[in-house]
Amino acid sequence: MVNLVYLTFSILVAGAGLFIYNKIYFEFDLGEEYEDVDGEGVAMWIGSNVMYMGIVMSVLTLIRILLKDFMSMFLVFGILMIAYGFTMRIRFGLHKFKASHKEGEAMPNYMEG
């Protein structure tokens, strides 16, 4: 019963992160110029971090449900390192995206060939 509560909560956390990320991403057209580039990047980064945290929590809860053994908690470190690697990749990707346009020019549209 406790595991189901954990699983539901972790799925809700992942959904909240995905909602934050998508809300920021689609609310502001990234092809247009806007003033607060850093603020939007930070909000997208926070949303992706929350999403990965929820995914990690749900995976750990599924492992606990399947194995029913606390030895599986040793896998926490490996999964957290993978999640941290994903967030670092997103963080540096956002920095590259912000640095790829000069001041006063529109952001390049990477979706077009």
PDB file of N, CA and C in Angstrom:
ATOM      1  N   MET A   1       0.821  -1.202   0.000  1.00  0.00           N
ATOM      2  CA  MET A   1       0.000   0.000   0.000  1.00  0.00           C
ATOM      3  C   MET A   1       0.863   1.263   0.000  1.00  0.00           C
ATOM      4  N   VAL A   2       1.917   1.239   0.845  1.00  0.00           N
ATOM      5  CA  VAL A   2       2.824   2.388   0.899  1.00  0.00           C
ATOM      6  C   VAL A   2       3.531   2.555  -0.439  1.00  0.00           C
ATOM      7  N   ASN A   3       3.887   1.427  -1.068  1.00  0.00           N
ATOM      8  CA  ASN A   3       4.562   1.503  -2.363  1.00  0.00           C
ATOM      9  C   ASN A   3       3.670   2.139  -3.419  1.00  0.00           C
ATOM     10  N   LEU A   4       2.381   1.837  -3.387  1.00  0.00           N
ATOM     11  CA  LEU A   4       1.471   2.444  -4.361  1.00  0.00           C
ATOM     12  C   LEU A   4       1.356   3.949  -4.147  1.00  0.00           C
ATOM     13  N   VAL A   5       1.369   4.368  -2.876  1.00  0.00           N
ATOM     14  CA  VAL A   5       1.339   5.810  -2.592  1.00  0.00           C
ATOM     15  C   VAL A   5       2.602   6.470  -3.122  1.00  0.00           C
ATOM     16  N   TYR A   6       3.768   5.837  -2.886  1.00  0.00           N
ATOM     17  CA  TYR A   6       5.030   6.359  -3.416  1.00  0.00           C
ATOM     18  C   TYR A   6       4.980   6.461  -4.930  1.00  0.00           C
ATOM     19  N   LEU A   7       4.487   5.407  -5.574  1.00  0.00           N
ATOM     20  CA  LEU A   7       4.456   5.374  -7.037  1.00  0.00           C
ATOM     21  C   LEU A   7       3.540   6.469  -7.577  1.00  0.00           C
ATOM     22  N   THR A   8       2.374   6.630  -6.974  1.00  0.00           N
ATOM     23  CA  THR A   8       1.456   7.682  -7.421  1.00  0.00           C
ATOM     24  C   THR A   8       2.076   9.056  -7.249  1.00  0.00           C
ATOM     25  N   PHE A   9       2.714   9.284  -6.101  1.00  0.00           N
ATOM     26  CA  PHE A   9       3.338  10.581  -5.847  1.00  0.00           C
ATOM     27  C   PHE A   9       4.458  10.858  -6.840  1.00  0.00           C
ATOM     28  N   SER A  10       5.284   9.846  -7.129  1.00  0.00           N
ATOM     29  CA  SER A  10       6.404  10.064  -8.043  1.00  0.00           C
ATOM     30  C   SER A  10       5.918  10.321  -9.464  1.00  0.00           C
ATOM     31  N   ILE A  11       4.841   9.649  -9.877  1.00  0.00           N
ATOM     32  CA  ILE A  11       4.284   9.916 -11.210  1.00  0.00           C
ATOM     33  C   ILE A  11       3.721  11.334 -11.266  1.00  0.00           C
ATOM     34  N   LEU A  12       3.106  11.790 -10.176  1.00  0.00           N
ATOM     35  CA  LEU A  12       2.609  13.169 -10.127  1.00  0.00           C
ATOM     36  C   LEU A  12       3.755  14.172 -10.199  1.00  0.00           C
ATOM     37  N   VAL A  13       4.878  13.872  -9.536  1.00  0.00           N
ATOM     38  CA  VAL A  13       6.039  14.769  -9.593  1.00  0.00           C
ATOM     39  C   VAL A  13       6.581  14.842 -11.015  1.00  0.00           C
ATOM     40  N   ALA A  14       6.684  13.674 -11.674  1.00  0.00           N
ATOM     41  CA  ALA A  14       7.166  13.665 -13.055  1.00  0.00           C
ATOM     42  C   ALA A  14       6.222  14.445 -13.962  1.00  0.00           C
ATOM     43  N   GLY A  15       4.930  14.279 -13.769  1.00  0.00           N
ATOM     44  CA  GLY A  15       3.962  15.023 -14.571  1.00  0.00           C
ATOM     45  C   GLY A  15       4.042  16.515 -14.330  1.00  0.00           C
ATOM     46  N   ALA A  16       4.284  16.909 -13.066  1.00  0.00           N
ATOM     47  CA  ALA A  16       4.413  18.340 -12.762  1.00  0.00           C
ATOM     48  C   ALA A  16       5.627  18.934 -13.458  1.00  0.00           C
ATOM     49  N   GLY A  17       6.745  18.201 -13.456  1.00  0.00           N
ATOM     50  CA  GLY A  17       7.936  18.694 -14.149  1.00  0.00           C
ATOM     51  C   GLY A  17       7.709  18.821 -15.638  1.00  0.00           C
ATOM     52  N   LEU A  18       7.047  17.823 -16.213  1.00  0.00           N
ATOM     53  CA  LEU A  18       6.751  17.872 -17.650  1.00  0.00           C
ATOM     54  C   LEU A  18       5.819  19.035 -17.960  1.00  0.00           C
ATOM     55  N   PHE A  19       4.855  19.298 -17.078  1.00  0.00           N
ATOM     56  CA  PHE A  19       3.934  20.415 -17.277  1.00  0.00           C
ATOM     57  C   PHE A  19       4.678  21.748 -17.239  1.00  0.00           C
ATOM     58  N   ILE A  20       5.572  21.905 -16.243  1.00  0.00           N
ATOM     59  CA  ILE A  20       6.349  23.148 -16.146  1.00  0.00           C
ATOM     60  C   ILE A  20       7.171  23.344 -17.411  1.00  0.00           C
ATOM     61  N   TYR A  21       7.860  22.274 -17.837  1.00  0.00           N
ATOM     62  CA  TYR A  21       8.741  22.380 -19.006  1.00  0.00           C
ATOM     63  C   TYR A  21       7.934  22.738 -20.253  1.00  0.00           C
ATOM     64  N   ASN A  22       6.834  22.032 -20.486  1.00  0.00           N
ATOM     65  CA  ASN A  22       6.026  22.290 -21.683  1.00  0.00           C
ATOM     66  C   ASN A  22       5.353  23.650 -21.630  1.00  0.00           C
ATOM     67  N   LYS A  23       4.906  24.065 -20.443  1.00  0.00           N
ATOM     68  CA  LYS A  23       4.254  25.370 -20.305  1.00  0.00           C
ATOM     69  C   LYS A  23       5.222  26.481 -20.709  1.00  0.00           C
ATOM     70  N   ILE A  24       6.458  26.392 -20.224  1.00  0.00           N
ATOM     71  CA  ILE A  24       7.448  27.418 -20.569  1.00  0.00           C
ATOM     72  C   ILE A  24       7.811  27.316 -22.047  1.00  0.00           C
ATOM     73  N   TYR A  25       7.970  26.079 -22.535  1.00  0.00           N
ATOM     74  CA  TYR A  25       8.454  25.888 -23.902  1.00  0.00           C
ATOM     75  C   TYR A  25       7.441  26.377 -24.922  1.00  0.00           C
ATOM     76  N   PHE A  26       6.160  26.092 -24.697  1.00  0.00           N
ATOM     77  CA  PHE A  26       5.154  26.444 -25.697  1.00  0.00           C
ATOM     78  C   PHE A  26       4.525  27.811 -25.450  1.00  0.00           C
ATOM     79  N   GLU A  27       4.621  28.318 -24.211  1.00  0.00           N
ATOM     80  CA  GLU A  27       4.054  29.634 -23.922  1.00  0.00           C
ATOM     81  C   GLU A  27       4.838  30.723 -24.652  1.00  0.00           C
ATOM     82  N   PHE A  28       6.153  30.540 -24.723  1.00  0.00           N
ATOM     83  CA  PHE A  28       7.016  31.519 -25.376  1.00  0.00           C
ATOM     84  C   PHE A  28       7.563  30.884 -26.647  1.00  0.00           C
ATOM     85  N   ASP A  29       7.350  31.512 -27.776  1.00  0.00           N
ATOM     86  CA  ASP A  29       7.847  30.987 -29.045  1.00  0.00           C
ATOM     87  C   ASP A  29       9.356  31.167 -29.073  1.00  0.00           C
ATOM     88  N   LEU A  30      10.087  30.054 -29.104  1.00  0.00           N
ATOM     89  CA  LEU A  30      11.541  30.151 -29.015  1.00  0.00           C
ATOM     90  C   LEU A  30      12.165  30.698 -30.291  1.00  0.00           C
ATOM     91  N   GLY A  31      11.403  30.803 -31.363  1.00  0.00           N
ATOM     92  CA  GLY A  31      11.941  31.399 -32.575  1.00  0.00           C
ATOM     93  C   GLY A  31      11.944  32.913 -32.531  1.00  0.00           C
ATOM     94  N   GLU A  32      11.185  33.484 -31.593  1.00  0.00           N
ATOM     95  CA  GLU A  32      11.098  34.942 -31.483  1.00  0.00           C
ATOM     96  C   GLU A  32      12.046  35.431 -30.394  1.00  0.00           C
ATOM     97  N   GLU A  33      12.352  36.710 -30.475  1.00  0.00           N
ATOM     98  CA  GLU A  33      13.148  37.312 -29.417  1.00  0.00           C
ATOM     99  C   GLU A  33      12.255  37.629 -28.229  1.00  0.00           C
ATOM    100  N   TYR A  34      12.771  37.416 -27.050  1.00  0.00           N
ATOM    101  CA  TYR A  34      12.077  37.892 -25.858  1.00  0.00           C
ATOM    102  C   TYR A  34      13.120  38.307 -24.851  1.00  0.00           C
ATOM    103  N   GLU A  35      12.711  39.082 -23.862  1.00  0.00           N
ATOM    104  CA  GLU A  35      13.673  39.760 -23.002  1.00  0.00           C
ATOM    105  C   GLU A  35      14.351  38.818 -22.017  1.00  0.00           C
ATOM    106  N   ASP A  36      13.568  38.006 -21.335  1.00  0.00           N
ATOM    107  CA  ASP A  36      14.102  37.265 -20.197  1.00  0.00           C
ATOM    108  C   ASP A  36      14.558  35.872 -20.622  1.00  0.00           C
ATOM    109  N   VAL A  37      15.607  35.814 -21.419  1.00  0.00           N
ATOM    110  CA  VAL A  37      16.095  34.516 -21.904  1.00  0.00           C
ATOM    111  C   VAL A  37      16.587  33.672 -20.734  1.00  0.00           C
ATOM    112  N   ASP A  38      17.329  34.291 -19.827  1.00  0.00           N
ATOM    113  CA  ASP A  38      17.882  33.537 -18.704  1.00  0.00           C
ATOM    114  C   ASP A  38      16.781  32.985 -17.810  1.00  0.00           C
ATOM    115  N   GLY A  39      15.755  33.796 -17.563  1.00  0.00           N
ATOM    116  CA  GLY A  39      14.661  33.330 -16.719  1.00  0.00           C
ATOM    117  C   GLY A  39      13.938  32.147 -17.322  1.00  0.00           C
ATOM    118  N   GLU A  40      13.684  32.197 -18.637  1.00  0.00           N
ATOM    119  CA  GLU A  40      12.993  31.072 -19.278  1.00  0.00           C
ATOM    120  C   GLU A  40      13.885  29.833 -19.268  1.00  0.00           C
ATOM    121  N   GLY A  41      15.181  30.015 -19.501  1.00  0.00           N
ATOM    122  CA  GLY A  41      16.094  28.871 -19.467  1.00  0.00           C
ATOM    123  C   GLY A  41      16.119  28.221 -18.097  1.00  0.00           C
ATOM    124  N   VAL A  42      16.136  29.049 -17.056  1.00  0.00           N
ATOM    125  CA  VAL A  42      16.144  28.519 -15.695  1.00  0.00           C
ATOM    126  C   VAL A  42      14.846  27.774 -15.403  1.00  0.00           C
ATOM    127  N   ALA A  43      13.715  28.337 -15.842  1.00  0.00           N
ATOM    128  CA  ALA A  43      12.430  27.673 -15.598  1.00  0.00           C
ATOM    129  C   ALA A  43      12.360  26.335 -16.333  1.00  0.00           C
ATOM    130  N   MET A  44      12.860  26.294 -17.580  1.00  0.00           N
ATOM    131  CA  MET A  44      12.874  25.029 -18.318  1.00  0.00           C
ATOM    132  C   MET A  44      13.789  24.030 -17.629  1.00  0.00           C
ATOM    133  N   TRP A  45      14.925  24.503 -17.106  1.00  0.00           N
ATOM    134  CA  TRP A  45      15.866  23.616 -16.432  1.00  0.00           C
ATOM    135  C   TRP A  45      15.258  23.063 -15.152  1.00  0.00           C
ATOM    136  N   ILE A  46      14.557  23.920 -14.397  1.00  0.00           N
ATOM    137  CA  ILE A  46      13.889  23.451 -13.175  1.00  0.00           C
ATOM    138  C   ILE A  46      12.817  22.421 -13.524  1.00  0.00           C
ATOM    139  N   GLY A  47      12.034  22.694 -14.578  1.00  0.00           N
ATOM    140  CA  GLY A  47      11.003  21.744 -14.985  1.00  0.00           C
ATOM    141  C   GLY A  47      11.578  20.398 -15.372  1.00  0.00           C
ATOM    142  N   SER A  48      12.699  20.415 -16.110  1.00  0.00           N
ATOM    143  CA  SER A  48      13.305  19.142 -16.508  1.00  0.00           C
ATOM    144  C   SER A  48      13.886  18.423 -15.300  1.00  0.00           C
ATOM    145  N   ASN A  49      14.462  19.165 -14.347  1.00  0.00           N
ATOM    146  CA  ASN A  49      14.978  18.527 -13.137  1.00  0.00           C
ATOM    147  C   ASN A  49      13.869  17.865 -12.340  1.00  0.00           C
ATOM    148  N   VAL A  50      12.734  18.557 -12.181  1.00  0.00           N
ATOM    149  CA  VAL A  50      11.604  17.984 -11.441  1.00  0.00           C
ATOM    150  C   VAL A  50      11.090  16.742 -12.154  1.00  0.00           C
ATOM    151  N   MET A  51      11.043  16.804 -13.489  1.00  0.00           N
ATOM    152  CA  MET A  51      10.570  15.661 -14.266  1.00  0.00           C
ATOM    153  C   MET A  51      11.492  14.457 -14.068  1.00  0.00           C
ATOM    154  N   TYR A  52      12.808  14.667 -14.153  1.00  0.00           N
ATOM    155  CA  TYR A  52      13.737  13.559 -13.961  1.00  0.00           C
ATOM    156  C   TYR A  52      13.684  13.035 -12.538  1.00  0.00           C
ATOM    157  N   MET A  53      13.480  13.920 -11.554  1.00  0.00           N
ATOM    158  CA  MET A  53      13.370  13.472 -10.176  1.00  0.00           C
ATOM    159  C   MET A  53      12.158  12.556 -10.013  1.00  0.00           C
ATOM    160  N   GLY A  54      11.029  12.933 -10.625  1.00  0.00           N
ATOM    161  CA  GLY A  54       9.848  12.080 -10.561  1.00  0.00           C
ATOM    162  C   GLY A  54      10.058  10.745 -11.247  1.00  0.00           C
ATOM    163  N   ILE A  55      10.758  10.769 -12.398  1.00  0.00           N
ATOM    164  CA  ILE A  55      11.042   9.516 -13.107  1.00  0.00           C
ATOM    165  C   ILE A  55      11.924   8.620 -12.255  1.00  0.00           C
ATOM    166  N   VAL A  56      12.965   9.200 -11.630  1.00  0.00           N
ATOM    167  CA  VAL A  56      13.856   8.413 -10.774  1.00  0.00           C
ATOM    168  C   VAL A  56      13.085   7.830  -9.596  1.00  0.00           C
ATOM    169  N   MET A  57      12.219   8.640  -8.975  1.00  0.00           N
ATOM    170  CA  MET A  57      11.439   8.145  -7.840  1.00  0.00           C
ATOM    171  C   MET A  57      10.515   7.006  -8.252  1.00  0.00           C
ATOM    172  N   SER A  58       9.872   7.136  -9.419  1.00  0.00           N
ATOM    173  CA  SER A  58       8.960   6.075  -9.847  1.00  0.00           C
ATOM    174  C   SER A  58       9.721   4.800 -10.190  1.00  0.00           C
ATOM    175  N   VAL A  59      10.897   4.934 -10.800  1.00  0.00           N
ATOM    176  CA  VAL A  59      11.702   3.745 -11.116  1.00  0.00           C
ATOM    177  C   VAL A  59      12.148   3.055  -9.834  1.00  0.00           C
ATOM    178  N   LEU A  60      12.601   3.838  -8.860  1.00  0.00           N
ATOM    179  CA  LEU A  60      13.021   3.239  -7.588  1.00  0.00           C
ATOM    180  C   LEU A  60      11.858   2.547  -6.885  1.00  0.00           C
ATOM    181  N   THR A  61      10.687   3.148  -6.936  1.00  0.00           N
ATOM    182  CA  THR A  61       9.521   2.528  -6.303  1.00  0.00           C
ATOM    183  C   THR A  61       9.138   1.241  -7.018  1.00  0.00           C
ATOM    184  N   LEU A  62       9.213   1.241  -8.350  1.00  0.00           N
ATOM    185  CA  LEU A  62       8.938   0.003  -9.086  1.00  0.00           C
ATOM    186  C   LEU A  62       9.940  -1.080  -8.726  1.00  0.00           C
ATOM    187  N   ILE A  63      11.212  -0.709  -8.566  1.00  0.00           N
ATOM    188  CA  ILE A  63      12.222  -1.692  -8.168  1.00  0.00           C
ATOM    189  C   ILE A  63      11.891  -2.247  -6.784  1.00  0.00           C
ATOM    190  N   ARG A  64      11.482  -1.364  -5.864  1.00  0.00           N
ATOM    191  CA  ARG A  64      11.114  -1.836  -4.521  1.00  0.00           C
ATOM    192  C   ARG A  64       9.914  -2.767  -4.567  1.00  0.00           C
ATOM    193  N   ILE A  65       8.934  -2.446  -5.421  1.00  0.00           N
ATOM    194  CA  ILE A  65       7.749  -3.299  -5.518  1.00  0.00           C
ATOM    195  C   ILE A  65       8.124  -4.663  -6.092  1.00  0.00           C
ATOM    196  N   LEU A  66       8.964  -4.650  -7.133  1.00  0.00           N
ATOM    197  CA  LEU A  66       9.292  -5.909  -7.805  1.00  0.00           C
ATOM    198  C   LEU A  66      10.191  -6.789  -6.946  1.00  0.00           C
ATOM    199  N   LEU A  67      11.211  -6.216  -6.326  1.00  0.00           N
ATOM    200  CA  LEU A  67      12.165  -7.028  -5.575  1.00  0.00           C
ATOM    201  C   LEU A  67      11.756  -7.216  -4.117  1.00  0.00           C
ATOM    202  N   LYS A  68      10.971  -6.263  -3.580  1.00  0.00           N
ATOM    203  CA  LYS A  68      10.527  -6.304  -2.188  1.00  0.00           C
ATOM    204  C   LYS A  68      11.712  -6.505  -1.238  1.00  0.00           C
ATOM    205  N   ASP A  69      12.786  -5.796  -1.514  1.00  0.00           N
ATOM    206  CA  ASP A  69      13.990  -5.959  -0.720  1.00  0.00           C
ATOM    207  C   ASP A  69      14.715  -4.626  -0.693  1.00  0.00           C
ATOM    208  N   PHE A  70      15.224  -4.243   0.456  1.00  0.00           N
ATOM    209  CA  PHE A  70      15.910  -2.958   0.555  1.00  0.00           C
ATOM    210  C   PHE A  70      17.306  -2.995  -0.052  1.00  0.00           C
ATOM    211  N   MET A  71      17.794  -4.188  -0.432  1.00  0.00           N
ATOM    212  CA  MET A  71      19.071  -4.253  -1.141  1.00  0.00           C
ATOM    213  C   MET A  71      18.981  -3.520  -2.470  1.00  0.00           C
ATOM    214  N   SER A  72      17.779  -3.428  -3.018  1.00  0.00           N
ATOM    215  CA  SER A  72      17.626  -2.738  -4.298  1.00  0.00           C
ATOM    216  C   SER A  72      17.904  -1.246  -4.172  1.00  0.00           C
ATOM    217  N   MET A  73      17.914  -0.728  -2.942  1.00  0.00           N
ATOM    218  CA  MET A  73      18.179   0.694  -2.771  1.00  0.00           C
ATOM    219  C   MET A  73      19.630   1.036  -3.098  1.00  0.00           C
ATOM    220  N   PHE A  74      20.501   0.032  -3.226  1.00  0.00           N
ATOM    221  CA  PHE A  74      21.861   0.305  -3.687  1.00  0.00           C
ATOM    222  C   PHE A  74      21.870   0.785  -5.130  1.00  0.00           C
ATOM    223  N   LEU A  75      20.815   0.479  -5.865  1.00  0.00           N
ATOM    224  CA  LEU A  75      20.706   0.961  -7.239  1.00  0.00           C
ATOM    225  C   LEU A  75      20.395   2.451  -7.298  1.00  0.00           C
ATOM    226  N   VAL A  76      20.047   3.041  -6.140  1.00  0.00           N
ATOM    227  CA  VAL A  76      19.715   4.470  -6.102  1.00  0.00           C
ATOM    228  C   VAL A  76      20.860   5.293  -6.664  1.00  0.00           C
ATOM    229  N   PHE A  77      22.075   4.983  -6.251  1.00  0.00           N
ATOM    230  CA  PHE A  77      23.212   5.803  -6.647  1.00  0.00           C
ATOM    231  C   PHE A  77      23.428   5.766  -8.146  1.00  0.00           C
ATOM    232  N   GLY A  78      23.332   4.598  -8.755  1.00  0.00           N
ATOM    233  CA  GLY A  78      23.498   4.495 -10.199  1.00  0.00           C
ATOM    234  C   GLY A  78      22.428   5.261 -10.957  1.00  0.00           C
ATOM    235  N   ILE A  79      21.182   5.112 -10.539  1.00  0.00           N
ATOM    236  CA  ILE A  79      20.087   5.800 -11.229  1.00  0.00           C
ATOM    237  C   ILE A  79      20.191   7.306 -11.027  1.00  0.00           C
ATOM    238  N   LEU A  80      20.575   7.745  -9.817  1.00  0.00           N
ATOM    239  CA  LEU A  80      20.740   9.175  -9.582  1.00  0.00           C
ATOM    240  C   LEU A  80      21.873   9.746 -10.423  1.00  0.00           C
ATOM    241  N   MET A  81      22.954   8.983 -10.608  1.00  0.00           N
ATOM    242  CA  MET A  81      24.053   9.468 -11.452  1.00  0.00           C
ATOM    243  C   MET A  81      23.594   9.607 -12.898  1.00  0.00           C
ATOM    244  N   ILE A  82      22.802   8.655 -13.392  1.00  0.00           N
ATOM    245  CA  ILE A  82      22.276   8.748 -14.760  1.00  0.00           C
ATOM    246  C   ILE A  82      21.377   9.973 -14.889  1.00  0.00           C
ATOM    247  N   ALA A  83      20.502  10.188 -13.908  1.00  0.00           N
ATOM    248  CA  ALA A  83      19.605  11.347 -13.957  1.00  0.00           C
ATOM    249  C   ALA A  83      20.394  12.646 -13.895  1.00  0.00           C
ATOM    250  N   TYR A  84      21.447  12.665 -13.064  1.00  0.00           N
ATOM    251  CA  TYR A  84      22.262  13.876 -12.980  1.00  0.00           C
ATOM    252  C   TYR A  84      22.988  14.132 -14.299  1.00  0.00           C
ATOM    253  N   GLY A  85      23.416  13.065 -14.967  1.00  0.00           N
ATOM    254  CA  GLY A  85      24.037  13.230 -16.281  1.00  0.00           C
ATOM    255  C   GLY A  85      23.074  13.832 -17.289  1.00  0.00           C
ATOM    256  N   PHE A  86      21.815  13.385 -17.260  1.00  0.00           N
ATOM    257  CA  PHE A  86      20.811  13.967 -18.159  1.00  0.00           C
ATOM    258  C   PHE A  86      20.604  15.449 -17.873  1.00  0.00           C
ATOM    259  N   THR A  87      20.529  15.810 -16.584  1.00  0.00           N
ATOM    260  CA  THR A  87      20.294  17.218 -16.265  1.00  0.00           C
ATOM    261  C   THR A  87      21.492  18.073 -16.640  1.00  0.00           C
ATOM    262  N   MET A  88      22.709  17.547 -16.480  1.00  0.00           N
ATOM    263  CA  MET A  88      23.890  18.308 -16.901  1.00  0.00           C
ATOM    264  C   MET A  88      23.868  18.513 -18.409  1.00  0.00           C
ATOM    265  N   ARG A  89      23.440  17.480 -19.137  1.00  0.00           N
ATOM    266  CA  ARG A  89      23.368  17.599 -20.593  1.00  0.00           C
ATOM    267  C   ARG A  89      22.355  18.671 -20.990  1.00  0.00           C
ATOM    268  N   ILE A  90      21.210  18.683 -20.317  1.00  0.00           N
ATOM    269  CA  ILE A  90      20.199  19.709 -20.603  1.00  0.00           C
ATOM    270  C   ILE A  90      20.733  21.089 -20.234  1.00  0.00           C
ATOM    271  N   ARG A  91      21.422  21.186 -19.101  1.00  0.00           N
ATOM    272  CA  ARG A  91      21.935  22.479 -18.656  1.00  0.00           C
ATOM    273  C   ARG A  91      22.921  23.037 -19.684  1.00  0.00           C
ATOM    274  N   PHE A  92      23.865  22.204 -20.138  1.00  0.00           N
ATOM    275  CA  PHE A  92      24.839  22.695 -21.108  1.00  0.00           C
ATOM    276  C   PHE A  92      24.195  22.930 -22.464  1.00  0.00           C
ATOM    277  N   GLY A  93      23.175  22.142 -22.798  1.00  0.00           N
ATOM    278  CA  GLY A  93      22.461  22.371 -24.050  1.00  0.00           C
ATOM    279  C   GLY A  93      21.773  23.721 -24.055  1.00  0.00           C
ATOM    280  N   LEU A  94      21.192  24.111 -22.909  1.00  0.00           N
ATOM    281  CA  LEU A  94      20.552  25.425 -22.824  1.00  0.00           C
ATOM    282  C   LEU A  94      21.580  26.536 -22.943  1.00  0.00           C
ATOM    283  N   HIS A  95      22.764  26.332 -22.335  1.00  0.00           N
ATOM    284  CA  HIS A  95      23.795  27.365 -22.453  1.00  0.00           C
ATOM    285  C   HIS A  95      24.247  27.516 -23.902  1.00  0.00           C
ATOM    286  N   LYS A  96      24.397  26.387 -24.598  1.00  0.00           N
ATOM    287  CA  LYS A  96      24.790  26.461 -26.010  1.00  0.00           C
ATOM    288  C   LYS A  96      23.708  27.159 -26.825  1.00  0.00           C
ATOM    289  N   PHE A  97      22.449  26.867 -26.493  1.00  0.00           N
ATOM    290  CA  PHE A  97      21.333  27.475 -27.222  1.00  0.00           C
ATOM    291  C   PHE A  97      21.329  28.982 -27.013  1.00  0.00           C
ATOM    292  N   LYS A  98      21.570  29.420 -25.776  1.00  0.00           N
ATOM    293  CA  LYS A  98      21.550  30.853 -25.493  1.00  0.00           C
ATOM    294  C   LYS A  98      22.767  31.548 -26.100  1.00  0.00           C
ATOM    295  N   ALA A  99      23.908  30.850 -26.154  1.00  0.00           N
ATOM    296  CA  ALA A  99      25.122  31.480 -26.669  1.00  0.00           C
ATOM    297  C   ALA A  99      25.171  31.473 -28.188  1.00  0.00           C
ATOM    298  N   SER A 100      24.232  30.775 -28.843  1.00  0.00           N
ATOM    299  CA  SER A 100      24.328  30.614 -30.292  1.00  0.00           C
ATOM    300  C   SER A 100      23.754  31.795 -31.054  1.00  0.00           C
ATOM    301  N   HIS A 101      23.186  32.774 -30.375  1.00  0.00           N
ATOM    302  CA  HIS A 101      22.688  33.945 -31.091  1.00  0.00           C
ATOM    303  C   HIS A 101      23.312  35.202 -30.502  1.00  0.00           C
ATOM    304  N   LYS A 102      23.550  36.181 -31.350  1.00  0.00           N
ATOM    305  CA  LYS A 102      24.157  37.431 -30.895  1.00  0.00           C
ATOM    306  C   LYS A 102      23.070  38.377 -30.410  1.00  0.00           C
ATOM    307  N   GLU A 103      23.498  39.358 -29.649  1.00  0.00           N
ATOM    308  CA  GLU A 103      22.552  40.338 -29.113  1.00  0.00           C
ATOM    309  C   GLU A 103      21.921  41.131 -30.246  1.00  0.00           C
ATOM    310  N   GLY A 104      20.608  41.245 -30.230  1.00  0.00           N
ATOM    311  CA  GLY A 104      19.923  42.034 -31.245  1.00  0.00           C
ATOM    312  C   GLY A 104      19.466  41.230 -32.442  1.00  0.00           C
ATOM    313  N   GLU A 105      19.878  39.966 -32.538  1.00  0.00           N
ATOM    314  CA  GLU A 105      19.431  39.117 -33.643  1.00  0.00           C
ATOM    315  C   GLU A 105      18.390  38.132 -33.119  1.00  0.00           C
ATOM    316  N   ALA A 106      17.545  37.685 -34.029  1.00  0.00           N
ATOM    317  CA  ALA A 106      16.556  36.680 -33.634  1.00  0.00           C
ATOM    318  C   ALA A 106      17.260  35.351 -33.398  1.00  0.00           C
ATOM    319  N   MET A 107      16.689  34.559 -32.524  1.00  0.00           N
ATOM    320  CA  MET A 107      17.268  33.241 -32.271  1.00  0.00           C
ATOM    321  C   MET A 107      17.122  32.367 -33.507  1.00  0.00           C
ATOM    322  N   PRO A 108      18.140  31.564 -33.815  1.00  0.00           N
ATOM    323  CA  PRO A 108      18.024  30.694 -34.985  1.00  0.00           C
ATOM    324  C   PRO A 108      16.967  29.624 -34.764  1.00  0.00           C
ATOM    325  N   ASN A 109      16.277  29.280 -35.810  1.00  0.00           N
ATOM    326  CA  ASN A 109      15.251  28.255 -35.723  1.00  0.00           C
ATOM    327  C   ASN A 109      15.880  26.920 -36.103  1.00  0.00           C
ATOM    328  N   TYR A 110      16.111  26.069 -35.091  1.00  0.00           N
ATOM    329  CA  TYR A 110      16.784  24.799 -35.336  1.00  0.00           C
ATOM    330  C   TYR A 110      15.861  23.761 -35.957  1.00  0.00           C
ATOM    331  N   MET A 111      14.563  24.048 -35.988  1.00  0.00           N
ATOM    332  CA  MET A 111      13.639  23.068 -36.533  1.00  0.00           C
ATOM    333  C   MET A 111      13.690  23.018 -38.056  1.00  0.00           C
ATOM    334  N   GLU A 112      14.087  24.113 -38.678  1.00  0.00           N
ATOM    335  CA  GLU A 112      14.155  24.128 -40.137  1.00  0.00           C
ATOM    336  C   GLU A 112      15.486  23.550 -40.584  1.00  0.00           C
ATOM    337  N   GLY A 113      15.428  22.736 -41.663  1.00  0.00           N
ATOM    338  CA  GLY A 113      16.573  22.051 -42.209  1.00  0.00           C
ATOM    339  C   GLY A 113      17.813  22.839 -42.126  1.00  0.00           C
TER     340      GLY A 113
END
